[in-house]
Amino acid sequence: MTTREEYELRLKIIEQWIEIKPNEELMEALKTAQREIKELGLVEYQREI
């Protein structure tokens, strides 16, 4: 499993938790995971160049 796949899986799990029981801590975890995936995408893009 690549790092990106790991973050995407983590993101899906957090989204499912939020559907079941939304709270501030989960929303913050979701934002963090989304930011990390975005940053990872930028790093992968820079490697290609």
PDB file of N, CA and C in Angstrom:
ATOM      1  N   MET A   1       0.852  -1.172   0.000  1.00  0.00           N
ATOM      2  CA  MET A   1       0.000   0.000   0.000  1.00  0.00           C
ATOM      3  C   MET A   1       0.900   1.238   0.000  1.00  0.00           C
ATOM      4  N   THR A   2       0.665   2.129  -0.945  1.00  0.00           N
ATOM      5  CA  THR A   2       1.460   3.350  -1.007  1.00  0.00           C
ATOM      6  C   THR A   2       1.014   4.328   0.074  1.00  0.00           C
ATOM      7  N   THR A   3       1.830   5.324   0.295  1.00  0.00           N
ATOM      8  CA  THR A   3       1.484   6.340   1.289  1.00  0.00           C
ATOM      9  C   THR A   3       0.185   7.028   0.915  1.00  0.00           C
ATOM     10  N   ARG A   4       0.010   7.322  -0.353  1.00  0.00           N
ATOM     11  CA  ARG A   4      -1.217   7.983  -0.807  1.00  0.00           C
ATOM     12  C   ARG A   4      -2.437   7.089  -0.552  1.00  0.00           C
ATOM     13  N   GLU A   5      -2.312   5.809  -0.862  1.00  0.00           N
ATOM     14  CA  GLU A   5      -3.422   4.879  -0.622  1.00  0.00           C
ATOM     15  C   GLU A   5      -3.750   4.797   0.869  1.00  0.00           C
ATOM     16  N   GLU A   6      -2.708   4.835   1.688  1.00  0.00           N
ATOM     17  CA  GLU A   6      -2.916   4.795   3.133  1.00  0.00           C
ATOM     18  C   GLU A   6      -3.693   6.027   3.600  1.00  0.00           C
ATOM     19  N   TYR A   7      -3.313   7.206   3.118  1.00  0.00           N
ATOM     20  CA  TYR A   7      -4.027   8.431   3.489  1.00  0.00           C
ATOM     21  C   TYR A   7      -5.457   8.415   2.970  1.00  0.00           C
ATOM     22  N   GLU A   8      -5.665   7.922   1.756  1.00  0.00           N
ATOM     23  CA  GLU A   8      -7.017   7.866   1.198  1.00  0.00           C
ATOM     24  C   GLU A   8      -7.900   6.912   2.000  1.00  0.00           C
ATOM     25  N   LEU A   9      -7.340   5.793   2.434  1.00  0.00           N
ATOM     26  CA  LEU A   9      -8.089   4.860   3.271  1.00  0.00           C
ATOM     27  C   LEU A   9      -8.444   5.513   4.605  1.00  0.00           C
ATOM     28  N   ARG A  10      -7.479   6.189   5.188  1.00  0.00           N
ATOM     29  CA  ARG A  10      -7.713   6.893   6.448  1.00  0.00           C
ATOM     30  C   ARG A  10      -8.827   7.930   6.276  1.00  0.00           C
ATOM     31  N   LEU A  11      -8.807   8.635   5.155  1.00  0.00           N
ATOM     32  CA  LEU A  11      -9.831   9.641   4.864  1.00  0.00           C
ATOM     33  C   LEU A  11     -11.215   9.004   4.767  1.00  0.00           C
ATOM     34  N   LYS A  12     -11.325   7.873   4.093  1.00  0.00           N
ATOM     35  CA  LYS A  12     -12.614   7.182   3.969  1.00  0.00           C
ATOM     36  C   LYS A  12     -13.140   6.738   5.330  1.00  0.00           C
ATOM     37  N   ILE A  13     -12.248   6.233   6.177  1.00  0.00           N
ATOM     38  CA  ILE A  13     -12.654   5.789   7.513  1.00  0.00           C
ATOM     39  C   ILE A  13     -13.171   6.968   8.328  1.00  0.00           C
ATOM     40  N   ILE A  14     -12.458   8.077   8.289  1.00  0.00           N
ATOM     41  CA  ILE A  14     -12.891   9.265   9.031  1.00  0.00           C
ATOM     42  C   ILE A  14     -14.246   9.740   8.533  1.00  0.00           C
ATOM     43  N   GLU A  15     -14.441   9.747   7.212  1.00  0.00           N
ATOM     44  CA  GLU A  15     -15.727  10.181   6.656  1.00  0.00           C
ATOM     45  C   GLU A  15     -16.864   9.283   7.141  1.00  0.00           C
ATOM     46  N   GLN A  16     -16.618   7.978   7.248  1.00  0.00           N
ATOM     47  CA  GLN A  16     -17.646   7.059   7.742  1.00  0.00           C
ATOM     48  C   GLN A  16     -17.951   7.330   9.215  1.00  0.00           C
ATOM     49  N   TRP A  17     -16.929   7.606  10.010  1.00  0.00           N
ATOM     50  CA  TRP A  17     -17.150   7.931  11.416  1.00  0.00           C
ATOM     51  C   TRP A  17     -18.010   9.182  11.543  1.00  0.00           C
ATOM     52  N   ILE A  18     -17.730  10.178  10.707  1.00  0.00           N
ATOM     53  CA  ILE A  18     -18.481  11.430  10.770  1.00  0.00           C
ATOM     54  C   ILE A  18     -19.951  11.188  10.449  1.00  0.00           C
ATOM     55  N   GLU A  19     -20.239  10.299   9.499  1.00  0.00           N
ATOM     56  CA  GLU A  19     -21.629   9.988   9.161  1.00  0.00           C
ATOM     57  C   GLU A  19     -22.350   9.364  10.358  1.00  0.00           C
ATOM     58  N   ILE A  20     -21.631   8.539  11.115  1.00  0.00           N
ATOM     59  CA  ILE A  20     -22.233   7.847  12.253  1.00  0.00           C
ATOM     60  C   ILE A  20     -22.394   8.792  13.448  1.00  0.00           C
ATOM     61  N   LYS A  21     -21.326   9.492  13.779  1.00  0.00           N
ATOM     62  CA  LYS A  21     -21.360  10.368  14.960  1.00  0.00           C
ATOM     63  C   LYS A  21     -20.472  11.589  14.727  1.00  0.00           C
ATOM     64  N   PRO A  22     -21.038  12.620  14.104  1.00  0.00           N
ATOM     65  CA  PRO A  22     -20.230  13.811  13.826  1.00  0.00           C
ATOM     66  C   PRO A  22     -19.812  14.537  15.110  1.00  0.00           C
ATOM     67  N   ASN A  23     -18.578  14.987  15.126  1.00  0.00           N
ATOM     68  CA  ASN A  23     -18.108  15.843  16.218  1.00  0.00           C
ATOM     69  C   ASN A  23     -16.905  16.654  15.746  1.00  0.00           C
ATOM     70  N   GLU A  24     -16.515  17.615  16.545  1.00  0.00           N
ATOM     71  CA  GLU A  24     -15.450  18.557  16.164  1.00  0.00           C
ATOM     72  C   GLU A  24     -14.110  17.851  15.941  1.00  0.00           C
ATOM     73  N   GLU A  25     -13.791  16.881  16.783  1.00  0.00           N
ATOM     74  CA  GLU A  25     -12.508  16.178  16.661  1.00  0.00           C
ATOM     75  C   GLU A  25     -12.408  15.433  15.327  1.00  0.00           C
ATOM     76  N   LEU A  26     -13.491  14.773  14.926  1.00  0.00           N
ATOM     77  CA  LEU A  26     -13.479  14.063  13.646  1.00  0.00           C
ATOM     78  C   LEU A  26     -13.402  15.034  12.473  1.00  0.00           C
ATOM     79  N   MET A  27     -14.081  16.160  12.582  1.00  0.00           N
ATOM     80  CA  MET A  27     -14.025  17.149  11.505  1.00  0.00           C
ATOM     81  C   MET A  27     -12.597  17.675  11.346  1.00  0.00           C
ATOM     82  N   GLU A  28     -11.910  17.883  12.456  1.00  0.00           N
ATOM     83  CA  GLU A  28     -10.525  18.349  12.401  1.00  0.00           C
ATOM     84  C   GLU A  28      -9.625  17.268  11.800  1.00  0.00           C
ATOM     85  N   ALA A  29      -9.860  16.006  12.148  1.00  0.00           N
ATOM     86  CA  ALA A  29      -9.087  14.897  11.580  1.00  0.00           C
ATOM     87  C   ALA A  29      -9.305  14.810  10.075  1.00  0.00           C
ATOM     88  N   LEU A  30     -10.537  15.044   9.634  1.00  0.00           N
ATOM     89  CA  LEU A  30     -10.850  15.026   8.204  1.00  0.00           C
ATOM     90  C   LEU A  30     -10.082  16.129   7.479  1.00  0.00           C
ATOM     91  N   LYS A  31     -10.089  17.322   8.029  1.00  0.00           N
ATOM     92  CA  LYS A  31      -9.367  18.443   7.414  1.00  0.00           C
ATOM     93  C   LYS A  31      -7.875  18.143   7.332  1.00  0.00           C
ATOM     94  N   THR A  32      -7.326  17.562   8.393  1.00  0.00           N
ATOM     95  CA  THR A  32      -5.904  17.226   8.415  1.00  0.00           C
ATOM     96  C   THR A  32      -5.573  16.185   7.351  1.00  0.00           C
ATOM     97  N   ALA A  33      -6.394  15.143   7.253  1.00  0.00           N
ATOM     98  CA  ALA A  33      -6.159  14.091   6.257  1.00  0.00           C
ATOM     99  C   ALA A  33      -6.261  14.656   4.842  1.00  0.00           C
ATOM    100  N   GLN A  34      -7.232  15.526   4.596  1.00  0.00           N
ATOM    101  CA  GLN A  34      -7.378  16.132   3.274  1.00  0.00           C
ATOM    102  C   GLN A  34      -6.150  16.976   2.936  1.00  0.00           C
ATOM    103  N   ARG A  35      -5.658  17.732   3.911  1.00  0.00           N
ATOM    104  CA  ARG A  35      -4.477  18.566   3.688  1.00  0.00           C
ATOM    105  C   ARG A  35      -3.251  17.696   3.397  1.00  0.00           C
ATOM    106  N   GLU A  36      -3.090  16.600   4.139  1.00  0.00           N
ATOM    107  CA  GLU A  36      -1.946  15.716   3.935  1.00  0.00           C
ATOM    108  C   GLU A  36      -1.989  15.062   2.559  1.00  0.00           C
ATOM    109  N   ILE A  37      -3.169  14.678   2.100  1.00  0.00           N
ATOM    110  CA  ILE A  37      -3.294  14.091   0.767  1.00  0.00           C
ATOM    111  C   ILE A  37      -2.932  15.126  -0.288  1.00  0.00           C
ATOM    112  N   LYS A  38      -3.395  16.350  -0.098  1.00  0.00           N
ATOM    113  CA  LYS A  38      -3.079  17.414  -1.047  1.00  0.00           C
ATOM    114  C   LYS A  38      -1.572  17.652  -1.089  1.00  0.00           C
ATOM    115  N   GLU A  39      -0.932  17.731   0.083  1.00  0.00           N
ATOM    116  CA  GLU A  39       0.511  17.935   0.152  1.00  0.00           C
ATOM    117  C   GLU A  39       1.254  16.769  -0.483  1.00  0.00           C
ATOM    118  N   LEU A  40       0.792  15.565  -0.249  1.00  0.00           N
ATOM    119  CA  LEU A  40       1.416  14.383  -0.831  1.00  0.00           C
ATOM    120  C   LEU A  40       1.314  14.436  -2.347  1.00  0.00           C
ATOM    121  N   GLY A  41       0.174  14.856  -2.854  1.00  0.00           N
ATOM    122  CA  GLY A  41      -0.012  14.996  -4.296  1.00  0.00           C
ATOM    123  C   GLY A  41       0.959  15.998  -4.883  1.00  0.00           C
ATOM    124  N   LEU A  42       1.203  17.079  -4.171  1.00  0.00           N
ATOM    125  CA  LEU A  42       2.150  18.083  -4.645  1.00  0.00           C
ATOM    126  C   LEU A  42       3.566  17.528  -4.662  1.00  0.00           C
ATOM    127  N   VAL A  43       3.915  16.732  -3.655  1.00  0.00           N
ATOM    128  CA  VAL A  43       5.242  16.125  -3.601  1.00  0.00           C
ATOM    129  C   VAL A  43       5.409  15.151  -4.757  1.00  0.00           C
ATOM    130  N   GLU A  44       4.391  14.326  -5.023  1.00  0.00           N
ATOM    131  CA  GLU A  44       4.464  13.374  -6.127  1.00  0.00           C
ATOM    132  C   GLU A  44       4.588  14.113  -7.455  1.00  0.00           C
ATOM    133  N   TYR A  45       3.885  15.238  -7.600  1.00  0.00           N
ATOM    134  CA  TYR A  45       3.951  16.029  -8.827  1.00  0.00           C
ATOM    135  C   TYR A  45       5.359  16.589  -9.015  1.00  0.00           C
ATOM    136  N   GLN A  46       5.977  17.071  -7.942  1.00  0.00           N
ATOM    137  CA  GLN A  46       7.320  17.626  -8.028  1.00  0.00           C
ATOM    138  C   GLN A  46       8.332  16.553  -8.402  1.00  0.00           C
ATOM    139  N   ARG A  47       8.139  15.332  -7.945  1.00  0.00           N
ATOM    140  CA  ARG A  47       9.047  14.231  -8.285  1.00  0.00           C
ATOM    141  C   ARG A  47       8.999  13.929  -9.774  1.00  0.00           C
ATOM    142  N   GLU A  48       7.812  14.065 -10.374  1.00  0.00           N
ATOM    143  CA  GLU A  48       7.658  13.781 -11.800  1.00  0.00           C
ATOM    144  C   GLU A  48       8.402  14.802 -12.646  1.00  0.00           C
ATOM    145  N   ILE A  49       8.501  16.006 -12.158  1.00  0.00           N
ATOM    146  CA  ILE A  49       9.164  17.087 -12.911  1.00  0.00           C
ATOM    147  C   ILE A  49      10.631  16.934 -12.782  1.00  0.00           C
TER     148      ILE A  49
END
